[in-house]
Amino acid sequence: MSDVAASRAEQSPNSAVELAHHGITVTDLEASARFFCEVLGLEAAPRIDLDEAFSAGVTGVAEARISVVFMQGPGVAVELLQYHGPDDRRSVDARPCDAGAAHLALYVDDLRHVVSSAAAHGWTPMGAVEPITTGPRAGGLAVYLADPSGAVLELVQRPSGVRGSTMRRT
């Protein structure tokens, strides 16, 4: 835990102290894990089949049957979830502008190469690769990708001379 997070936790028991992971529900757990490994360079932990009583209790979804693969990389923790029940589950068709829509944003070194590699795994651009023209990432590139089940990633290539998440110029 960072010093700032520890300080906040001491001040208030209601403080978030660290990001645990970003969860993404997918339709094909193995294919999604391959994408995150082969294209984004994350490492996969072994598949886990969660206890049905726990799954239903924590999610509030009756008859939830879930398989999970945790993906890990530098500063990145992603939980891929595939629900095998209930039988009435459906896909989300939210656009980035729709309330409740969510996405995971990741920094990559060569955005155009990653976009090209992602296509072989079914991830396609939702728009164009765009130069970032304002803010601390000005000079970088960004694009949103979606997989066939509706999961959304934003990929960002930092501008030259910028390192780390604080976006300080070196």
Protein backbone atom coordinates (compact mmCIF):
# COMPACT_ATOMS: atom_id res chain seq x y z
CA MET A 1 0.00 0.00 0.00
CA SER A 2 1.36 3.45 -0.86
CA ASP A 3 2.14 6.00 1.86
CA VAL A 4 -0.74 8.18 0.62
CA ALA A 5 -3.18 5.25 0.70
CA ALA A 6 -1.99 4.22 4.18
CA SER A 7 -2.45 7.79 5.42
CA ARG A 8 -5.99 7.95 4.02
CA ALA A 9 -6.87 4.58 5.57
CA GLU A 10 -5.74 5.88 8.97
CA GLN A 11 -7.94 8.98 8.56
CA SER A 12 -11.13 7.19 7.55
CA PRO A 13 -12.21 3.56 7.61
CA ASN A 14 -14.26 4.33 4.46
CA SER A 15 -11.23 5.04 2.25
CA ALA A 16 -10.36 2.93 -0.76
CA VAL A 17 -6.69 2.03 -0.30
CA GLU A 18 -5.76 0.22 -3.51
CA LEU A 19 -7.28 -1.09 -6.76
CA ALA A 20 -7.86 -4.83 -6.33
CA HIS A 21 -8.63 -5.68 -9.97
CA HIS A 22 -10.81 -4.79 -12.93
CA GLY A 23 -13.36 -7.52 -13.73
CA ILE A 24 -14.52 -8.32 -17.25
CA THR A 25 -17.29 -10.82 -17.98
CA VAL A 26 -16.52 -12.77 -21.17
CA THR A 27 -18.18 -15.48 -23.23
CA ASP A 28 -15.03 -17.54 -23.86
CA LEU A 29 -12.65 -17.58 -20.89
CA GLU A 30 -9.80 -19.42 -22.61
CA ALA A 31 -9.86 -17.22 -25.75
CA SER A 32 -9.97 -14.05 -23.65
CA ALA A 33 -7.07 -15.23 -21.49
CA ARG A 34 -5.05 -15.96 -24.66
CA PHE A 35 -5.69 -12.40 -25.89
CA PHE A 36 -4.53 -10.85 -22.62
CA CYS A 37 -1.42 -13.09 -22.60
CA GLU A 38 -0.43 -13.07 -26.27
CA VAL A 39 -1.35 -9.48 -27.20
CA LEU A 40 -1.03 -7.55 -23.93
CA GLY A 41 1.69 -9.63 -22.25
CA LEU A 42 -0.18 -10.37 -19.02
CA GLU A 43 0.33 -13.62 -17.11
CA ALA A 44 -2.60 -15.92 -16.35
CA ALA A 45 -3.15 -17.70 -13.06
CA PRO A 46 -4.82 -21.13 -13.21
CA ARG A 47 -8.56 -21.22 -13.90
CA ILE A 48 -10.77 -21.28 -10.81
CA ASP A 49 -14.37 -22.52 -10.68
CA LEU A 50 -16.01 -20.48 -7.93
CA ASP A 51 -18.36 -22.02 -5.38
CA GLU A 52 -21.95 -21.49 -6.55
CA ALA A 53 -23.22 -20.37 -3.14
CA PHE A 54 -20.40 -17.81 -2.88
CA SER A 55 -20.97 -16.63 -6.47
CA ALA A 56 -24.70 -16.15 -6.00
CA GLY A 57 -24.21 -14.53 -2.60
CA VAL A 58 -21.56 -12.00 -3.61
CA THR A 59 -23.09 -11.05 -7.00
CA GLY A 60 -26.76 -11.20 -6.04
CA VAL A 61 -27.35 -13.36 -9.14
CA ALA A 62 -29.30 -16.52 -8.31
CA GLU A 63 -27.74 -19.69 -9.75
CA ALA A 64 -24.52 -17.84 -10.68
CA ARG A 65 -21.92 -20.36 -11.78
CA ILE A 66 -18.62 -18.65 -12.57
CA SER A 67 -15.19 -19.66 -13.83
CA VAL A 68 -12.40 -17.12 -13.31
CA VAL A 69 -8.88 -16.47 -14.59
CA PHE A 70 -6.85 -13.74 -12.92
CA MET A 71 -4.47 -11.90 -15.25
CA GLN A 72 -1.50 -10.00 -13.87
CA GLY A 73 1.03 -7.56 -15.29
CA PRO A 74 3.01 -4.54 -14.11
CA GLY A 75 0.43 -2.35 -12.37
CA VAL A 76 -2.42 -4.33 -13.94
CA ALA A 77 -4.79 -6.85 -12.36
CA VAL A 78 -7.68 -8.15 -14.46
CA GLU A 79 -10.25 -10.76 -13.44
CA LEU A 80 -11.81 -12.53 -16.42
CA LEU A 81 -15.15 -14.13 -15.53
CA GLN A 82 -17.23 -16.56 -17.55
CA TYR A 83 -20.71 -17.22 -16.20
CA HIS A 84 -22.13 -20.67 -16.92
CA GLY A 85 -25.44 -19.81 -15.25
CA PRO A 86 -28.09 -18.66 -14.81
CA ASP A 87 -29.59 -19.65 -18.13
CA ASP A 88 -31.14 -16.21 -18.79
CA ARG A 89 -27.85 -14.26 -18.93
CA ARG A 90 -27.35 -11.87 -21.84
CA SER A 91 -24.75 -9.65 -23.50
CA VAL A 92 -24.45 -5.92 -22.86
CA ASP A 93 -24.68 -3.59 -25.84
CA ALA A 94 -23.69 -0.31 -24.20
CA ARG A 95 -21.81 2.42 -26.03
CA PRO A 96 -19.04 4.30 -24.21
CA CYS A 97 -21.44 7.27 -23.87
CA ASP A 98 -24.18 5.21 -22.15
CA ALA A 99 -24.51 5.56 -18.37
CA GLY A 100 -23.15 2.49 -16.62
CA ALA A 101 -20.78 1.58 -19.46
CA ALA A 102 -17.28 0.77 -18.24
CA HIS A 103 -13.91 0.15 -19.80
CA LEU A 104 -10.39 -0.73 -18.79
CA ALA A 105 -7.64 1.59 -20.06
CA LEU A 106 -4.11 0.25 -20.53
CA TYR A 107 -0.89 1.93 -21.60
CA VAL A 108 0.90 0.19 -24.47
CA ASP A 109 4.23 0.95 -26.11
CA ASP A 110 3.17 0.53 -29.76
CA LEU A 111 -0.57 1.14 -30.09
CA ARG A 112 -0.87 0.43 -33.81
CA HIS A 113 0.97 -2.89 -33.43
CA VAL A 114 -1.30 -3.93 -30.53
CA VAL A 115 -4.43 -3.01 -32.52
CA SER A 116 -3.18 -5.10 -35.44
CA SER A 117 -2.37 -8.06 -33.16
CA ALA A 118 -5.72 -7.78 -31.38
CA ALA A 119 -7.66 -8.32 -34.61
CA ALA A 120 -6.59 -11.98 -34.75
CA HIS A 121 -8.28 -12.42 -31.35
CA GLY A 122 -11.58 -10.79 -32.41
CA TRP A 123 -10.93 -7.38 -30.81
CA THR A 124 -11.81 -4.58 -33.22
CA PRO A 125 -11.51 -0.79 -33.02
CA MET A 126 -14.73 0.99 -32.08
CA GLY A 127 -13.41 4.12 -33.77
CA ALA A 128 -10.12 5.30 -35.20
CA VAL A 129 -6.68 5.49 -33.64
CA GLU A 130 -6.69 9.16 -32.66
CA PRO A 131 -3.91 11.54 -31.63
CA ILE A 132 -4.45 13.02 -28.17
CA THR A 133 -4.40 16.80 -28.53
CA THR A 134 -5.15 18.09 -25.01
CA GLY A 135 -4.21 17.38 -21.41
CA PRO A 136 -1.18 15.63 -19.95
CA ARG A 137 -1.27 12.88 -22.61
CA ALA A 138 -1.18 15.35 -25.54
CA GLY A 139 1.04 13.92 -28.24
CA GLY A 140 0.01 10.34 -27.48
CA LEU A 141 -2.48 8.08 -29.24
CA ALA A 142 -5.71 6.40 -28.08
CA VAL A 143 -8.28 3.92 -29.38
CA TYR A 144 -11.17 1.90 -27.97
CA LEU A 145 -11.37 -1.81 -28.84
CA ALA A 146 -14.31 -4.18 -28.34
CA ASP A 147 -14.43 -7.95 -28.35
CA PRO A 148 -17.37 -9.91 -29.82
CA SER A 149 -19.04 -10.20 -26.39
CA GLY A 150 -19.00 -6.43 -25.81
CA ALA A 151 -16.00 -6.04 -23.49
CA VAL A 152 -14.28 -2.69 -24.05
CA LEU A 153 -10.62 -1.70 -23.67
CA GLU A 154 -9.06 1.69 -24.18
CA LEU A 155 -5.46 1.50 -25.33
CA VAL A 156 -3.22 4.53 -24.83
CA GLN A 157 0.26 5.14 -26.18
CA ARG A 158 2.06 7.75 -24.12
CA PRO A 159 3.61 10.76 -25.84
CA SER A 160 7.37 10.76 -26.30
CA GLY A 161 9.20 11.58 -23.08
CA VAL A 162 6.35 10.61 -20.75
CA ARG A 163 6.66 7.68 -18.34
CA GLY A 164 4.54 6.36 -15.51
CA SER A 165 0.92 6.90 -14.63
CA THR A 166 1.53 10.37 -13.24
CA MET A 167 2.18 11.59 -16.77
CA ARG A 168 5.24 13.63 -15.79
CA ARG A 169 7.40 14.64 -18.72
CA THR A 170 11.01 13.47 -18.47
